[in-house]
Amino acid sequence: MPSLILEIARFIVNLVVLTIVLYVAGRIVVGKKRALFSDAFVIALLGIVINTLFMAFLPGLFGAGLGLIISLIVYLLLIRHYYETGWLGALAVAILTVVIFIVLAFVLAVLLLIPFLFLT
């Protein structure tokens, strides 16, 4: 039971973070008229669910690689559809999403590490 609660919490955190990052990246790339927060939420929700399904049902090294490739294509299709952009726009949103996510993760890691530096 605790692992189910942990997985649900992880899903919700992933959904919230990915929605916010997709929204910011979408607004930067395609503009505020086409990048709505609700669209970012749907892209994140469908992307996470589809990614989870592909990774669960395509086990092994080859299957996981294939599942990852299919998941990336699905994310691009979702971005392309909901943000009403072309393939290059979708790719730009996806790349910017990854960059923003990495920067956010780095900043959070530094902020969470600072208290431990002063405690030792």
N, C-alpha and C. Protein backbone atom coordinates (compact mmCIF):
# COMPACT_ATOMS: atom_id res chain seq x y z
N MET A 1 0.81 -1.21 0.00
CA MET A 1 0.00 0.00 0.00
C MET A 1 0.85 1.27 0.00
N PRO A 2 1.92 1.34 0.81
CA PRO A 2 2.74 2.55 0.78
C PRO A 2 3.36 2.81 -0.60
N SER A 3 3.68 1.75 -1.35
CA SER A 3 4.28 1.97 -2.67
C SER A 3 3.24 2.57 -3.63
N LEU A 4 1.98 2.20 -3.48
CA LEU A 4 0.92 2.78 -4.31
C LEU A 4 0.77 4.26 -4.01
N ILE A 5 0.80 4.62 -2.75
CA ILE A 5 0.70 6.03 -2.36
C ILE A 5 1.90 6.81 -2.87
N LEU A 6 3.07 6.20 -2.80
CA LEU A 6 4.28 6.83 -3.30
C LEU A 6 4.21 7.04 -4.81
N GLU A 7 3.70 6.05 -5.53
CA GLU A 7 3.57 6.17 -6.99
C GLU A 7 2.55 7.24 -7.38
N ILE A 8 1.45 7.32 -6.64
CA ILE A 8 0.45 8.35 -6.90
C ILE A 8 1.03 9.74 -6.63
N ALA A 9 1.78 9.87 -5.55
CA ALA A 9 2.41 11.15 -5.24
C ALA A 9 3.43 11.52 -6.32
N ARG A 10 4.20 10.56 -6.78
CA ARG A 10 5.19 10.80 -7.83
C ARG A 10 4.49 11.23 -9.13
N PHE A 11 3.39 10.56 -9.44
CA PHE A 11 2.62 10.91 -10.63
C PHE A 11 2.12 12.34 -10.56
N ILE A 12 1.58 12.73 -9.42
CA ILE A 12 1.04 14.08 -9.25
C ILE A 12 2.15 15.13 -9.34
N VAL A 13 3.29 14.86 -8.69
CA VAL A 13 4.41 15.81 -8.74
C VAL A 13 4.92 15.93 -10.18
N ASN A 14 5.09 14.80 -10.87
CA ASN A 14 5.52 14.84 -12.27
C ASN A 14 4.54 15.62 -13.13
N LEU A 15 3.26 15.40 -12.90
CA LEU A 15 2.22 16.09 -13.67
C LEU A 15 2.27 17.60 -13.45
N VAL A 16 2.39 18.02 -12.22
CA VAL A 16 2.41 19.45 -11.90
C VAL A 16 3.67 20.11 -12.48
N VAL A 17 4.82 19.51 -12.25
CA VAL A 17 6.08 20.09 -12.73
C VAL A 17 6.10 20.14 -14.25
N LEU A 18 5.74 19.03 -14.91
CA LEU A 18 5.76 18.99 -16.36
C LEU A 18 4.75 19.96 -16.96
N THR A 19 3.60 20.10 -16.35
CA THR A 19 2.60 21.06 -16.83
C THR A 19 3.15 22.48 -16.80
N ILE A 20 3.75 22.86 -15.70
CA ILE A 20 4.29 24.22 -15.56
C ILE A 20 5.42 24.46 -16.56
N VAL A 21 6.33 23.49 -16.68
CA VAL A 21 7.46 23.65 -17.59
C VAL A 21 6.99 23.69 -19.05
N LEU A 22 6.05 22.82 -19.41
CA LEU A 22 5.50 22.85 -20.77
C LEU A 22 4.78 24.17 -21.06
N TYR A 23 4.09 24.69 -20.08
CA TYR A 23 3.38 25.95 -20.25
C TYR A 23 4.36 27.10 -20.50
N VAL A 24 5.41 27.16 -19.69
CA VAL A 24 6.41 28.22 -19.85
C VAL A 24 7.10 28.09 -21.21
N ALA A 25 7.52 26.88 -21.57
CA ALA A 25 8.19 26.67 -22.85
C ALA A 25 7.25 26.99 -24.02
N GLY A 26 6.01 26.59 -23.91
CA GLY A 26 5.03 26.87 -24.95
C GLY A 26 4.79 28.36 -25.13
N ARG A 27 4.69 29.08 -24.04
CA ARG A 27 4.48 30.54 -24.13
C ARG A 27 5.67 31.22 -24.78
N ILE A 28 6.87 30.73 -24.50
CA ILE A 28 8.07 31.34 -25.09
C ILE A 28 8.13 31.04 -26.59
N VAL A 29 7.82 29.81 -26.98
CA VAL A 29 8.00 29.41 -28.37
C VAL A 29 6.82 29.79 -29.25
N VAL A 30 5.61 29.45 -28.85
CA VAL A 30 4.45 29.66 -29.73
C VAL A 30 3.58 30.85 -29.33
N GLY A 31 3.82 31.43 -28.18
CA GLY A 31 3.06 32.61 -27.77
C GLY A 31 1.92 32.28 -26.83
N LYS A 32 1.43 33.32 -26.16
CA LYS A 32 0.43 33.10 -25.12
C LYS A 32 -0.95 32.78 -25.68
N LYS A 33 -1.23 33.10 -26.94
CA LYS A 33 -2.54 32.80 -27.50
C LYS A 33 -2.71 31.31 -27.80
N ARG A 34 -1.62 30.65 -28.17
CA ARG A 34 -1.71 29.23 -28.53
C ARG A 34 -1.29 28.30 -27.40
N ALA A 35 -0.52 28.79 -26.45
CA ALA A 35 -0.05 27.95 -25.36
C ALA A 35 -0.87 28.22 -24.11
N LEU A 36 -1.92 27.47 -23.95
CA LEU A 36 -2.79 27.63 -22.78
C LEU A 36 -2.35 26.67 -21.68
N PHE A 37 -2.63 27.05 -20.43
CA PHE A 37 -2.26 26.18 -19.31
C PHE A 37 -3.02 24.87 -19.38
N SER A 38 -4.27 24.92 -19.80
CA SER A 38 -5.06 23.69 -19.91
C SER A 38 -4.47 22.76 -20.98
N ASP A 39 -3.96 23.33 -22.07
CA ASP A 39 -3.31 22.50 -23.09
C ASP A 39 -2.04 21.85 -22.53
N ALA A 40 -1.26 22.63 -21.77
CA ALA A 40 -0.06 22.07 -21.16
C ALA A 40 -0.41 20.93 -20.21
N PHE A 41 -1.51 21.09 -19.48
CA PHE A 41 -1.94 20.03 -18.56
C PHE A 41 -2.32 18.77 -19.32
N VAL A 42 -3.06 18.91 -20.41
CA VAL A 42 -3.47 17.74 -21.20
C VAL A 42 -2.26 17.07 -21.84
N ILE A 43 -1.33 17.86 -22.37
CA ILE A 43 -0.11 17.29 -22.96
C ILE A 43 0.66 16.50 -21.90
N ALA A 44 0.83 17.09 -20.72
CA ALA A 44 1.56 16.42 -19.65
C ALA A 44 0.85 15.15 -19.19
N LEU A 45 -0.45 15.23 -18.99
CA LEU A 45 -1.22 14.08 -18.53
C LEU A 45 -1.17 12.93 -19.53
N LEU A 46 -1.51 13.22 -20.78
CA LEU A 46 -1.49 12.17 -21.79
C LEU A 46 -0.07 11.64 -22.02
N GLY A 47 0.91 12.54 -22.02
CA GLY A 47 2.29 12.12 -22.22
C GLY A 47 2.79 11.20 -21.12
N ILE A 48 2.51 11.54 -19.88
CA ILE A 48 2.94 10.70 -18.76
C ILE A 48 2.25 9.34 -18.80
N VAL A 49 0.95 9.33 -19.05
CA VAL A 49 0.21 8.06 -19.11
C VAL A 49 0.72 7.18 -20.24
N ILE A 50 0.87 7.76 -21.43
CA ILE A 50 1.33 6.98 -22.58
C ILE A 50 2.76 6.50 -22.37
N ASN A 51 3.62 7.36 -21.84
CA ASN A 51 4.99 6.97 -21.55
C ASN A 51 5.04 5.81 -20.56
N THR A 52 4.23 5.88 -19.52
CA THR A 52 4.18 4.81 -18.52
C THR A 52 3.71 3.51 -19.14
N LEU A 53 2.70 3.58 -19.98
CA LEU A 53 2.20 2.37 -20.63
C LEU A 53 3.24 1.74 -21.55
N PHE A 54 3.90 2.56 -22.36
CA PHE A 54 4.92 2.02 -23.26
C PHE A 54 6.07 1.40 -22.49
N MET A 55 6.51 2.04 -21.43
CA MET A 55 7.61 1.50 -20.65
C MET A 55 7.20 0.23 -19.90
N ALA A 56 5.94 0.13 -19.52
CA ALA A 56 5.48 -1.06 -18.80
C ALA A 56 5.28 -2.25 -19.73
N PHE A 57 4.80 -1.99 -20.94
CA PHE A 57 4.46 -3.10 -21.83
C PHE A 57 5.53 -3.42 -22.86
N LEU A 58 6.61 -2.67 -22.88
CA LEU A 58 7.73 -2.98 -23.76
C LEU A 58 8.98 -3.20 -22.90
N PRO A 59 9.05 -4.33 -22.22
CA PRO A 59 10.17 -4.56 -21.30
C PRO A 59 11.47 -4.87 -22.05
N GLY A 60 12.54 -4.83 -21.31
CA GLY A 60 13.84 -5.17 -21.88
C GLY A 60 14.52 -3.97 -22.49
N LEU A 61 15.77 -4.15 -22.85
CA LEU A 61 16.57 -3.05 -23.38
C LEU A 61 16.01 -2.54 -24.70
N PHE A 62 15.72 -3.44 -25.64
CA PHE A 62 15.20 -3.02 -26.93
C PHE A 62 13.81 -2.41 -26.78
N GLY A 63 12.98 -3.06 -25.97
CA GLY A 63 11.62 -2.56 -25.77
C GLY A 63 11.60 -1.21 -25.10
N ALA A 64 12.48 -1.01 -24.11
CA ALA A 64 12.53 0.28 -23.41
C ALA A 64 12.99 1.37 -24.37
N GLY A 65 13.96 1.06 -25.22
CA GLY A 65 14.42 2.04 -26.21
C GLY A 65 13.33 2.37 -27.21
N LEU A 66 12.63 1.35 -27.66
CA LEU A 66 11.53 1.55 -28.59
C LEU A 66 10.40 2.34 -27.93
N GLY A 67 10.11 2.00 -26.69
CA GLY A 67 9.08 2.72 -25.94
C GLY A 67 9.45 4.18 -25.76
N LEU A 68 10.73 4.46 -25.53
CA LEU A 68 11.18 5.84 -25.38
C LEU A 68 11.03 6.61 -26.68
N ILE A 69 11.41 6.00 -27.78
CA ILE A 69 11.28 6.66 -29.08
C ILE A 69 9.81 6.95 -29.40
N ILE A 70 8.95 5.96 -29.16
CA ILE A 70 7.52 6.15 -29.41
C ILE A 70 6.96 7.24 -28.49
N SER A 71 7.40 7.25 -27.24
CA SER A 71 6.94 8.27 -26.29
C SER A 71 7.36 9.67 -26.74
N LEU A 72 8.58 9.81 -27.22
CA LEU A 72 9.03 11.11 -27.70
C LEU A 72 8.21 11.58 -28.90
N ILE A 73 7.92 10.65 -29.81
CA ILE A 73 7.09 11.00 -30.97
C ILE A 73 5.68 11.41 -30.51
N VAL A 74 5.15 10.69 -29.54
CA VAL A 74 3.81 11.02 -29.02
C VAL A 74 3.82 12.41 -28.38
N TYR A 75 4.86 12.72 -27.59
CA TYR A 75 4.97 14.06 -27.00
C TYR A 75 5.00 15.13 -28.09
N LEU A 76 5.78 14.89 -29.14
CA LEU A 76 5.84 15.86 -30.24
C LEU A 76 4.48 16.02 -30.91
N LEU A 77 3.78 14.90 -31.12
CA LEU A 77 2.44 14.96 -31.70
C LEU A 77 1.48 15.74 -30.81
N LEU A 78 1.55 15.50 -29.51
CA LEU A 78 0.68 16.21 -28.57
C LEU A 78 0.97 17.71 -28.57
N ILE A 79 2.25 18.06 -28.52
CA ILE A 79 2.63 19.47 -28.54
C ILE A 79 2.18 20.11 -29.85
N ARG A 80 2.42 19.41 -30.94
CA ARG A 80 2.05 19.92 -32.26
C ARG A 80 0.53 20.17 -32.35
N HIS A 81 -0.24 19.23 -31.84
CA HIS A 81 -1.69 19.34 -31.91
C HIS A 81 -2.23 20.43 -30.98
N TYR A 82 -1.88 20.38 -29.70
CA TYR A 82 -2.49 21.29 -28.73
C TYR A 82 -1.95 22.71 -28.82
N TYR A 83 -0.70 22.88 -29.23
CA TYR A 83 -0.16 24.23 -29.36
C TYR A 83 -0.29 24.76 -30.79
N GLU A 84 -0.93 23.99 -31.65
CA GLU A 84 -1.21 24.39 -33.03
C GLU A 84 0.03 24.94 -33.72
N THR A 85 1.07 24.12 -33.75
CA THR A 85 2.32 24.51 -34.36
C THR A 85 2.80 23.40 -35.28
N GLY A 86 3.86 23.64 -35.99
CA GLY A 86 4.42 22.63 -36.88
C GLY A 86 5.42 21.75 -36.15
N TRP A 87 6.08 20.90 -36.92
CA TRP A 87 7.04 19.97 -36.32
C TRP A 87 8.22 20.71 -35.69
N LEU A 88 8.72 21.75 -36.35
CA LEU A 88 9.85 22.49 -35.79
C LEU A 88 9.45 23.24 -34.52
N GLY A 89 8.23 23.78 -34.51
CA GLY A 89 7.74 24.44 -33.31
C GLY A 89 7.59 23.45 -32.16
N ALA A 90 7.07 22.27 -32.47
CA ALA A 90 6.93 21.24 -31.43
C ALA A 90 8.29 20.80 -30.91
N LEU A 91 9.25 20.64 -31.83
CA LEU A 91 10.60 20.26 -31.42
C LEU A 91 11.24 21.36 -30.57
N ALA A 92 11.02 22.62 -30.94
CA ALA A 92 11.55 23.73 -30.15
C ALA A 92 10.94 23.76 -28.75
N VAL A 93 9.63 23.53 -28.66
CA VAL A 93 8.98 23.48 -27.34
C VAL A 93 9.55 22.33 -26.52
N ALA A 94 9.72 21.17 -27.15
CA ALA A 94 10.25 20.00 -26.43
C ALA A 94 11.67 20.25 -25.93
N ILE A 95 12.51 20.82 -26.78
CA ILE A 95 13.90 21.08 -26.38
C ILE A 95 13.94 22.12 -25.26
N LEU A 96 13.16 23.18 -25.41
CA LEU A 96 13.12 24.21 -24.37
C LEU A 96 12.56 23.66 -23.06
N THR A 97 11.60 22.75 -23.15
CA THR A 97 11.06 22.10 -21.96
C THR A 97 12.15 21.35 -21.22
N VAL A 98 12.97 20.62 -21.94
CA VAL A 98 14.07 19.87 -21.32
C VAL A 98 15.08 20.82 -20.68
N VAL A 99 15.41 21.90 -21.39
CA VAL A 99 16.37 22.86 -20.85
C VAL A 99 15.83 23.51 -19.57
N ILE A 100 14.59 23.95 -19.60
CA ILE A 100 13.98 24.57 -18.41
C ILE A 100 13.93 23.57 -17.26
N PHE A 101 13.59 22.33 -17.56
CA PHE A 101 13.51 21.30 -16.52
C PHE A 101 14.88 21.07 -15.89
N ILE A 102 15.94 21.01 -16.71
CA ILE A 102 17.29 20.79 -16.18
C ILE A 102 17.72 21.97 -15.30
N VAL A 103 17.45 23.19 -15.76
CA VAL A 103 17.80 24.37 -14.97
C VAL A 103 17.02 24.37 -13.65
N LEU A 104 15.74 24.07 -13.71
CA LEU A 104 14.91 24.01 -12.51
C LEU A 104 15.42 22.94 -11.54
N ALA A 105 15.76 21.78 -12.05
CA ALA A 105 16.29 20.71 -11.20
C ALA A 105 17.61 21.13 -10.55
N PHE A 106 18.47 21.81 -11.31
CA PHE A 106 19.74 22.28 -10.77
C PHE A 106 19.51 23.31 -9.66
N VAL A 107 18.64 24.26 -9.91
CA VAL A 107 18.36 25.30 -8.91
C VAL A 107 17.77 24.68 -7.65
N LEU A 108 16.84 23.77 -7.81
CA LEU A 108 16.26 23.11 -6.63
C LEU A 108 17.30 22.29 -5.87
N ALA A 109 18.18 21.63 -6.59
CA ALA A 109 19.23 20.85 -5.94
C ALA A 109 20.15 21.76 -5.13
N VAL A 110 20.51 22.89 -5.70
CA VAL A 110 21.38 23.83 -4.99
C VAL A 110 20.65 24.39 -3.77
N LEU A 111 19.39 24.78 -3.94
CA LEU A 111 18.63 25.33 -2.81
C LEU A 111 18.44 24.31 -1.69
N LEU A 112 18.27 23.06 -2.06
CA LEU A 112 18.09 22.03 -1.03
C LEU A 112 19.42 21.63 -0.40
N LEU A 113 20.52 21.88 -1.09
CA LEU A 113 21.83 21.52 -0.57
C LEU A 113 22.37 22.59 0.37
N ILE A 114 22.00 23.83 0.20
CA ILE A 114 22.54 24.94 1.00
C ILE A 114 22.35 24.72 2.49
N PRO A 115 21.16 24.32 2.98
CA PRO A 115 21.03 24.10 4.43
C PRO A 115 21.98 23.02 4.97
N PHE A 116 22.26 22.00 4.17
CA PHE A 116 23.15 20.94 4.63
C PHE A 116 24.60 21.42 4.71
N LEU A 117 24.96 22.38 3.90
CA LEU A 117 26.32 22.92 3.95
C LEU A 117 26.58 23.68 5.24
N PHE A 118 25.55 24.36 5.75
CA PHE A 118 25.72 25.12 6.97
C PHE A 118 25.54 24.26 8.23
N LEU A 119 24.95 23.10 8.11
CA LEU A 119 24.76 22.22 9.26
C LEU A 119 25.98 21.39 9.58
N THR A 120 26.86 21.22 8.59
CA THR A 120 28.04 20.38 8.84
C THR A 120 29.24 21.17 9.23
